[in-house]
């Protein structure tokens, strides 16, 4: 059986994550909302760690803004692209590694830690806790940590209304409708409350949970979907006003759990 790293690497060797965040409207919204929240909590000159940095879409942009960014990426293909970017961008350091093992970094090394992808692809409780605990460990006292995760309901809405609902339900739920997590899913989703409960007993203080792309991804698949740049800017501002609405969180695809390190 393929390992978690092999499964993830095969996917990202073919995926264009930078393109998704730049060309699709749901990707543009996810990026804009995530950056908005980062800017709310990052101070000028902050040291920022991003684990699961991919090809560096967020890390590179933040480094160009003057933050001191260390970007950790697991997969070989993404890391090579990230490493190339780091040669040309001041304040950006690229490191190949796994979010579950940040032992190359000392305790309380960073003002802010961004875990914007790894928890999409972690399934075993031990690995999930390692990634969470490591992010907390390397963040300074009173520092801010972002954990991105997926809503299982958002996954269902976005991917399984094309004549494949039964497959999606079997993939993501047990027969008695409990949520499933296993590495062959590639992307694993959570009930919002289920994800928040992962932090019970951890040395963090919850700040907020926010959606980052709403239900835009499945809507964008419609043949009659259209939105001008001007309307999209207005829509983004509107979405930001409601991004933390509890009644809307389950339907969004991507979410952020934001907390403060105690």
Protein backbone atom coordinates (compact mmCIF):
# COMPACT_ATOMS: atom_id res chain seq x y z
CA UNK A 1 0.00 0.00 0.00
CA UNK A 2 1.21 3.51 -0.83
CA UNK A 3 2.31 5.72 2.03
CA UNK A 4 0.66 9.04 2.87
CA UNK A 5 3.63 10.91 1.38
CA UNK A 6 3.47 8.91 -1.86
CA UNK A 7 -0.27 9.50 -2.26
CA UNK A 8 0.06 13.24 -1.62
CA UNK A 9 3.11 13.56 -3.88
CA UNK A 10 1.35 11.84 -6.80
CA UNK A 11 -1.52 14.31 -6.53
CA UNK A 12 0.58 17.47 -6.24
CA UNK A 13 2.94 16.38 -9.00
CA UNK A 14 -0.05 16.89 -11.32
CA UNK A 15 -2.00 19.65 -9.52
CA UNK A 16 -1.60 23.37 -10.19
CA UNK A 17 -2.34 24.88 -6.77
CA UNK A 18 -1.00 28.31 -7.68
CA UNK A 19 -3.26 28.28 -10.72
CA UNK A 20 -6.29 27.29 -8.64
CA UNK A 21 -5.74 30.18 -6.23
CA UNK A 22 -5.18 32.67 -9.06
CA UNK A 23 -7.55 31.66 -11.87
CA UNK A 24 -10.67 30.18 -10.27
CA UNK A 25 -13.02 32.52 -8.46
CA UNK A 26 -13.30 30.20 -5.46
CA UNK A 27 -9.50 30.04 -5.27
CA UNK A 28 -9.24 33.82 -5.51
CA UNK A 29 -11.78 34.16 -2.68
CA UNK A 30 -9.96 31.61 -0.52
CA UNK A 31 -6.67 33.45 -1.03
CA UNK A 32 -8.14 36.92 -0.43
CA UNK A 33 -9.96 35.87 2.75
CA UNK A 34 -6.97 33.96 4.14
CA UNK A 35 -4.61 36.87 3.48
CA UNK A 36 -7.12 39.27 5.06
CA UNK A 37 -7.09 37.25 8.28
CA UNK A 38 -3.29 36.91 8.25
CA UNK A 39 -2.95 40.68 7.96
CA UNK A 40 -5.34 41.16 10.88
CA UNK A 41 -3.01 39.32 13.24
CA UNK A 42 0.51 39.70 11.80
CA UNK A 43 2.62 42.59 13.04
CA UNK A 44 5.15 44.42 10.90
CA UNK A 45 8.34 42.41 10.63
CA UNK A 46 6.81 39.26 12.13
CA UNK A 47 8.57 35.93 11.74
CA UNK A 48 6.15 33.52 10.06
CA UNK A 49 6.36 29.76 9.58
CA UNK A 50 4.18 28.10 6.96
CA UNK A 51 4.00 24.31 6.97
CA UNK A 52 2.63 22.58 3.90
CA UNK A 53 3.59 25.66 1.92
CA UNK A 54 3.12 24.06 -1.50
CA UNK A 55 4.84 26.15 -4.16
CA UNK A 56 4.79 29.19 -1.89
CA UNK A 57 1.77 31.19 -3.00
CA UNK A 58 1.21 32.57 0.52
CA UNK A 59 4.80 32.42 1.75
CA UNK A 60 6.23 34.27 -1.23
CA UNK A 61 3.61 37.00 -1.06
CA UNK A 62 4.16 37.50 2.67
CA UNK A 63 7.93 37.58 2.27
CA UNK A 64 7.59 40.20 -0.47
CA UNK A 65 5.53 42.27 1.99
CA UNK A 66 8.49 42.29 4.39
CA UNK A 67 7.66 39.44 6.75
CA UNK A 68 10.42 36.96 7.61
CA UNK A 69 9.01 33.70 6.26
CA UNK A 70 10.16 30.12 6.61
CA UNK A 71 8.24 27.78 4.30
CA UNK A 72 8.19 24.02 4.89
CA UNK A 73 6.97 21.70 2.13
CA UNK A 74 6.79 17.91 2.04
CA UNK A 75 6.49 16.96 -1.62
CA UNK A 76 9.54 17.00 -3.88
CA UNK A 77 7.96 18.72 -6.90
CA UNK A 78 6.42 21.56 -4.89
CA UNK A 79 9.57 21.98 -2.83
CA UNK A 80 11.77 22.45 -5.91
CA UNK A 81 9.47 25.26 -7.12
CA UNK A 82 9.40 26.78 -3.63
CA UNK A 83 13.19 26.55 -3.35
CA UNK A 84 13.61 28.34 -6.68
CA UNK A 85 11.34 31.16 -5.49
CA UNK A 86 13.30 31.49 -2.27
CA UNK A 87 16.48 32.25 -4.22
CA UNK A 88 14.85 35.33 -5.73
CA UNK A 89 12.79 36.59 -2.77
CA UNK A 90 14.40 38.23 0.20
CA UNK A 91 13.08 37.04 3.59
CA UNK A 92 11.91 33.66 2.22
CA UNK A 93 13.62 30.48 3.40
CA UNK A 94 12.54 27.11 1.94
CA UNK A 95 12.85 23.89 3.95
CA UNK A 96 11.78 20.39 2.91
CA UNK A 97 9.98 18.66 5.75
CA UNK A 98 6.79 17.30 7.26
CA UNK A 99 4.33 19.23 9.43
CA UNK A 100 4.33 16.32 11.88
CA UNK A 101 8.05 16.78 12.64
CA UNK A 102 9.39 20.32 13.03
CA UNK A 103 12.32 19.22 15.20
CA UNK A 104 14.71 21.41 13.19
CA UNK A 105 13.04 24.45 14.79
CA UNK A 106 13.44 25.44 18.43
CA UNK A 107 10.53 26.03 20.78
CA UNK A 108 8.81 29.41 20.40
CA UNK A 109 10.70 30.39 17.23
CA UNK A 110 7.94 32.18 15.30
CA UNK A 111 5.46 34.99 15.87
CA UNK A 112 2.89 33.30 13.62
CA UNK A 113 2.49 29.77 12.29
CA UNK A 114 0.36 28.89 9.27
CA UNK A 115 -0.76 25.29 8.80
CA UNK A 116 -2.69 25.87 5.59
CA UNK A 117 -2.65 22.43 3.98
CA UNK A 118 -1.28 19.54 6.04
CA UNK A 119 -4.50 18.77 7.92
CA UNK A 120 -6.27 18.13 4.62
CA UNK A 121 -4.05 15.07 4.30
CA UNK A 122 -3.60 13.72 7.84
CA UNK A 123 -5.86 10.87 8.93
CA UNK A 124 -4.38 9.07 11.90
CA UNK A 125 -5.03 10.69 15.29
CA UNK A 126 -1.34 10.41 16.17
CA UNK A 127 -0.25 12.34 13.06
CA UNK A 128 -3.00 14.94 13.47
CA UNK A 129 -1.94 15.60 17.06
CA UNK A 130 1.73 15.73 16.07
CA UNK A 131 1.04 18.42 13.45
CA UNK A 132 -1.05 20.45 15.89
CA UNK A 133 1.40 20.06 18.77
CA UNK A 134 4.42 20.89 16.63
CA UNK A 135 2.79 24.07 15.31
CA UNK A 136 1.98 25.12 18.87
CA UNK A 137 5.48 24.26 20.12
CA UNK A 138 7.35 26.41 17.59
CA UNK A 139 5.05 29.43 18.04
CA UNK A 140 5.98 32.11 20.56
CA UNK A 141 3.81 32.74 23.62
CA UNK A 142 0.86 34.92 22.53
CA UNK A 143 1.68 34.12 18.89
CA UNK A 144 -1.10 33.35 16.41
CA UNK A 145 -1.64 29.99 14.70
CA UNK A 146 -3.82 29.30 11.66
CA UNK A 147 -5.03 25.76 10.99
CA UNK A 148 -6.81 25.28 7.66
CA UNK A 149 -9.26 22.40 7.34
CA UNK A 150 -12.01 21.13 5.06
CA UNK A 151 -15.70 20.74 5.78
CA UNK A 152 -16.89 17.25 4.90
CA UNK A 153 -20.20 18.80 3.87
CA UNK A 154 -18.40 21.31 1.66
CA UNK A 155 -16.55 18.41 0.06
CA UNK A 156 -19.85 16.67 -0.63
CA UNK A 157 -21.51 19.78 -2.10
CA UNK A 158 -18.53 20.63 -4.29
CA UNK A 159 -17.72 17.18 -5.67
CA UNK A 160 -20.64 14.76 -5.57
CA UNK A 161 -23.58 16.25 -7.43
CA UNK A 162 -22.43 14.93 -10.81
CA UNK A 163 -24.18 11.58 -10.63
CA UNK A 164 -21.73 10.24 -8.04
CA UNK A 165 -23.40 11.07 -4.71
CA UNK A 166 -23.49 7.44 -3.54
CA UNK A 167 -19.74 7.10 -4.10
CA UNK A 168 -19.04 10.33 -2.21
CA UNK A 169 -21.20 9.29 0.70
CA UNK A 170 -19.41 5.93 0.94
CA UNK A 171 -16.05 7.68 0.65
CA UNK A 172 -16.71 10.17 3.44
CA UNK A 173 -19.23 8.51 5.77
CA UNK A 174 -19.74 5.13 7.42
CA UNK A 175 -23.03 3.25 6.99
CA UNK A 176 -24.34 4.90 10.17
CA UNK A 177 -23.18 8.33 8.86
CA UNK A 178 -20.13 8.87 11.02
CA UNK A 179 -17.37 10.82 9.27
CA UNK A 180 -14.51 8.76 7.86
CA UNK A 181 -10.80 9.68 7.79
CA UNK A 182 -8.34 7.50 5.85
CA UNK A 183 -5.35 8.31 3.67
CA UNK A 184 -6.75 6.97 0.40
CA UNK A 185 -9.36 9.75 0.53
CA UNK A 186 -6.48 12.15 -0.24
CA UNK A 187 -8.57 15.05 1.11
CA UNK A 188 -10.33 14.42 4.42
CA UNK A 189 -13.14 16.60 5.76
CA UNK A 190 -14.53 17.41 9.19
CA UNK A 191 -17.66 18.50 10.92
CA UNK A 192 -16.73 21.98 12.21
CA UNK A 193 -17.34 21.08 15.87
CA UNK A 194 -15.37 17.83 15.42
CA UNK A 195 -12.36 19.80 14.19
CA UNK A 196 -12.57 22.39 16.96
CA UNK A 197 -12.61 19.61 19.54
CA UNK A 198 -9.15 18.50 18.36
CA UNK A 199 -7.78 21.44 20.38
CA UNK A 200 -9.39 20.53 23.69
CA UNK A 201 -6.64 20.52 26.32
CA UNK A 202 -4.07 22.12 23.98
CA UNK A 203 -2.22 25.24 25.20
CA UNK A 204 -4.12 27.57 22.87
CA UNK A 205 -6.96 30.06 23.13
CA UNK A 206 -9.51 29.89 20.33
CA UNK A 207 -10.01 33.20 18.53
CA UNK A 208 -12.39 32.30 15.71
CA UNK A 209 -13.34 29.81 13.03
CA UNK A 210 -13.98 31.28 9.59
CA UNK A 211 -14.90 30.02 6.15
CA UNK A 212 -12.71 31.11 3.26
CA UNK A 213 -14.59 30.21 0.06
CA UNK A 214 -18.28 29.69 0.95
CA UNK A 215 -20.23 27.66 -1.59
CA UNK A 216 -18.54 29.38 -4.52
CA UNK A 217 -16.75 26.26 -5.80
CA UNK A 218 -19.88 24.25 -6.74
CA UNK A 219 -21.65 27.37 -8.00
CA UNK A 220 -18.69 28.19 -10.24
CA UNK A 221 -19.19 24.84 -12.00
CA UNK A 222 -22.55 26.03 -13.39
CA UNK A 223 -22.51 26.86 -17.10
CA UNK A 224 -24.38 30.12 -16.44
CA UNK A 225 -22.00 31.34 -13.71
CA UNK A 226 -20.54 34.78 -14.33
CA UNK A 227 -19.23 37.58 -12.14
CA UNK A 228 -17.33 40.71 -13.17
CA UNK A 229 -14.13 41.80 -11.44
CA UNK A 230 -16.01 44.72 -9.88
CA UNK A 231 -18.79 42.48 -8.58
CA UNK A 232 -16.25 39.95 -7.32
CA UNK A 233 -14.49 42.64 -5.28
CA UNK A 234 -17.83 43.63 -3.78
CA UNK A 235 -18.74 39.97 -3.19
CA UNK A 236 -15.40 39.39 -1.41
CA UNK A 237 -16.05 42.31 0.95
CA UNK A 238 -19.58 40.97 1.57
CA UNK A 239 -18.27 37.46 2.24
CA UNK A 240 -15.69 38.74 4.71
CA UNK A 241 -18.48 40.32 6.73
CA UNK A 242 -20.11 36.91 7.18
CA UNK A 243 -17.12 34.53 7.07
CA UNK A 244 -17.49 33.61 10.76
CA UNK A 245 -21.26 32.99 10.74
CA UNK A 246 -21.71 29.63 12.45
CA UNK A 247 -24.74 28.69 10.36
CA UNK A 248 -22.69 29.07 7.17
CA UNK A 249 -19.49 27.25 8.17
CA UNK A 250 -20.59 23.73 7.27
CA UNK A 251 -21.30 24.61 3.65
CA UNK A 252 -17.96 26.26 2.92
CA UNK A 253 -15.23 24.03 1.54
CA UNK A 254 -12.11 25.53 3.17
CA UNK A 255 -12.02 26.94 6.71
CA UNK A 256 -9.58 28.46 9.18
CA UNK A 257 -9.30 27.69 12.88
CA UNK A 258 -7.41 30.64 14.38
CA UNK A 259 -5.98 30.53 17.90
CA UNK A 260 -3.48 32.19 20.21
CA UNK A 261 -0.59 30.28 21.77
CA UNK A 262 -0.80 30.36 25.59
